[in-house]
C-alpha atoms as a PDB file:
ATOM      1  CA  MET A   1      48.164 104.182 180.903  1.00  0.00           C
ATOM      2  CA  ASN A   2      48.570 100.626 182.229  1.00  0.00           C
ATOM      3  CA  LYS A   3      50.542  99.483 185.129  1.00  0.00           C
ATOM      4  CA  LYS A   4      53.849  97.706 183.817  1.00  0.00           C
ATOM      5  CA  ILE A   5      55.249  94.673 185.389  1.00  0.00           C
ATOM      6  CA  GLU A   6      58.479  92.669 184.892  1.00  0.00           C
ATOM      7  CA  PHE A   7      58.235  89.152 184.385  1.00  0.00           C
ATOM      8  CA  CYS A   8      60.877  86.418 184.164  1.00  0.00           C
ATOM      9  CA  PRO A   9      59.522  83.252 182.408  1.00  0.00           C
ATOM     10  CA  VAL A  10      60.768  80.074 183.993  1.00  0.00           C
ATOM     11  CA  GLY A  11      64.150  78.806 182.351  1.00  0.00           C
ATOM     12  CA  GLU A  12      64.906  82.397 180.978  1.00  0.00           C
ATOM     13  CA  ASP A  13      67.550  84.637 182.117  1.00  0.00           C
ATOM     14  CA  LYS A  14      66.207  87.939 181.271  1.00  0.00           C
ATOM     15  CA  THR A  15      62.980  89.688 182.122  1.00  0.00           C
ATOM     16  CA  VAL A  16      60.266  90.703 179.889  1.00  0.00           C
ATOM     17  CA  GLY A  17      58.145  93.996 180.553  1.00  0.00           C
ATOM     18  CA  PHE A  18      54.222  93.618 180.179  1.00  0.00           C
ATOM     19  CA  PHE A  19      51.436  96.181 180.642  1.00  0.00           C
ATOM     20  CA  VAL A  20      48.618  94.816 182.679  1.00  0.00           C
ATOM     21  CA  VAL A  21      45.285  95.546 181.009  1.00  0.00           C
ATOM     22  CA  GLU A  22      42.949  93.983 183.589  1.00  0.00           C
ATOM     23  CA  GLU A  23      43.232  91.524 186.597  1.00  0.00           C
ATOM     24  CA  THR A  24      40.830  89.087 188.249  1.00  0.00           C
ATOM     25  CA  ARG A  25      40.591  86.419 190.765  1.00  0.00           C
ATOM     26  CA  ILE A  26      38.807  83.305 190.084  1.00  0.00           C
ATOM     27  CA  GLY A  27      38.484  80.234 192.730  1.00  0.00           C
ATOM     28  CA  GLY A  28      41.128  82.000 194.804  1.00  0.00           C
ATOM     29  CA  VAL A  29      43.704  82.163 191.901  1.00  0.00           C
ATOM     30  CA  SER A  30      44.825  85.664 190.554  1.00  0.00           C
ATOM     31  CA  TYR A  31      45.172  86.110 186.784  1.00  0.00           C
ATOM     32  CA  LEU A  32      46.407  89.045 184.862  1.00  0.00           C
ATOM     33  CA  LEU A  33      45.647  90.031 181.227  1.00  0.00           C
ATOM     34  CA  VAL A  34      48.833  91.629 179.830  1.00  0.00           C
ATOM     35  CA  THR A  35      50.270  92.931 176.519  1.00  0.00           C
ATOM     36  CA  GLU A  36      53.909  93.706 175.489  1.00  0.00           C
ATOM     37  CA  THR A  37      53.002  97.045 174.052  1.00  0.00           C
ATOM     38  CA  GLU A  38      50.068  99.564 174.784  1.00  0.00           C
ATOM     39  CA  ASP A  39      48.952  99.404 171.077  1.00  0.00           C
ATOM     40  CA  GLU A  40      45.279  98.414 170.484  1.00  0.00           C
ATOM     41  CA  GLU A  41      46.133  95.718 168.134  1.00  0.00           C
ATOM     42  CA  ALA A  42      48.814  94.134 170.555  1.00  0.00           C
ATOM     43  CA  ASP A  43      48.755  90.394 171.352  1.00  0.00           C
ATOM     44  CA  ALA A  44      47.473  89.637 174.799  1.00  0.00           C
ATOM     45  CA  TYR A  45      48.523  86.875 177.159  1.00  0.00           C
ATOM     46  CA  ILE A  46      46.845  85.618 180.307  1.00  0.00           C
ATOM     47  CA  LEU A  47      49.315  84.968 183.424  1.00  0.00           C
ATOM     48  CA  LYS A  48      48.398  82.995 186.339  1.00  0.00           C
ATOM     49  CA  ASP A  49      49.799  83.591 189.848  1.00  0.00           C
ATOM     50  CA  LEU A  50      51.330  80.331 191.316  1.00  0.00           C
ATOM     51  CA  SER A  51      52.507  81.807 194.641  1.00  0.00           C
ATOM     52  CA  LYS A  52      51.280  80.730 197.871  1.00  0.00           C
ATOM     53  CA  ASP A  53      49.204  82.915 200.345  1.00  0.00           C
ATOM     54  CA  GLY A  54      51.525  84.934 202.161  1.00  0.00           C
ATOM     55  CA  GLU A  55      54.525  85.102 199.913  1.00  0.00           C
ATOM     56  CA  ALA A  56      56.216  88.350 199.273  1.00  0.00           C
ATOM     57  CA  GLU A  57      56.177  88.153 195.510  1.00  0.00           C
ATOM     58  CA  ALA A  58      53.940  86.748 192.925  1.00  0.00           C
ATOM     59  CA  CYS A  59      55.112  83.996 190.672  1.00  0.00           C
ATOM     60  CA  TYR A  60      53.309  84.250 187.291  1.00  0.00           C
ATOM     61  CA  THR A  61      53.263  81.681 184.667  1.00  0.00           C
ATOM     62  CA  PHE A  62      51.663  81.825 181.219  1.00  0.00           C
ATOM     63  CA  VAL A  63      48.170  79.967 180.906  1.00  0.00           C
ATOM     64  CA  GLU A  64      48.443  77.260 178.418  1.00  0.00           C
ATOM     65  CA  ASP A  65      45.650  74.933 179.173  1.00  0.00           C
ATOM     66  CA  ASP A  66      43.037  75.450 176.599  1.00  0.00           C
ATOM     67  CA  GLY A  67      40.044  75.048 178.847  1.00  0.00           C
ATOM     68  CA  GLU A  68      41.543  77.359 181.507  1.00  0.00           C
ATOM     69  CA  LEU A  69      42.496  79.843 178.655  1.00  0.00           C
ATOM     70  CA  GLU A  70      39.021  79.980 177.183  1.00  0.00           C
ATOM     71  CA  ALA A  71      37.254  80.217 180.652  1.00  0.00           C
ATOM     72  CA  VAL A  72      39.573  83.044 181.824  1.00  0.00           C
ATOM     73  CA  SER A  73      39.443  84.822 178.536  1.00  0.00           C
ATOM     74  CA  LYS A  74      35.684  84.991 178.759  1.00  0.00           C
ATOM     75  CA  ILE A  75      35.907  86.572 182.296  1.00  0.00           C
ATOM     76  CA  PHE A  76      38.194  89.272 180.927  1.00  0.00           C
ATOM     77  CA  ALA A  77      35.980  89.863 177.893  1.00  0.00           C
ATOM     78  CA  GLU A  78      33.026  90.503 180.192  1.00  0.00           C
ATOM     79  CA  LEU A  79      35.278  92.912 182.498  1.00  0.00           C
ATOM     80  CA  LEU A  80      36.376  94.628 179.129  1.00  0.00           C
ATOM     81  CA  GLU A  81      33.323  95.128 177.192  1.00  0.00           C
ATOM     82  CA  ASP A  82      35.114  97.370 174.618  1.00  0.00           C
ATOM     83  CA  VAL A  83      37.902  94.731 173.961  1.00  0.00           C
ATOM     84  CA  ASP A  84      37.703  92.156 171.553  1.00  0.00           C
ATOM     85  CA  ILE A  85      39.601  88.969 172.761  1.00  0.00           C
ATOM     86  CA  GLU A  86      40.329  86.473 170.252  1.00  0.00           C
ATOM     87  CA  LEU A  87      42.006  82.905 171.087  1.00  0.00           C
END
């Protein structure tokens, strides 16, 4: 079972729950691969931690830049050999 986190997107009032599939750190930045359900066919999202070092809470945002999304998804694909990641 994957760890579940609560995330409140910028500009939204309510939180959304995500299951953390994998996490990694690239160039000092933390990324999470998350899904809304634990179903094998669930859509996945990559979140990027924008918080500063030493802050008590993480501040995640969806990765929307195509180049960054492709690069980070390749890392997650290598970490999760049995998972097929499609953009």
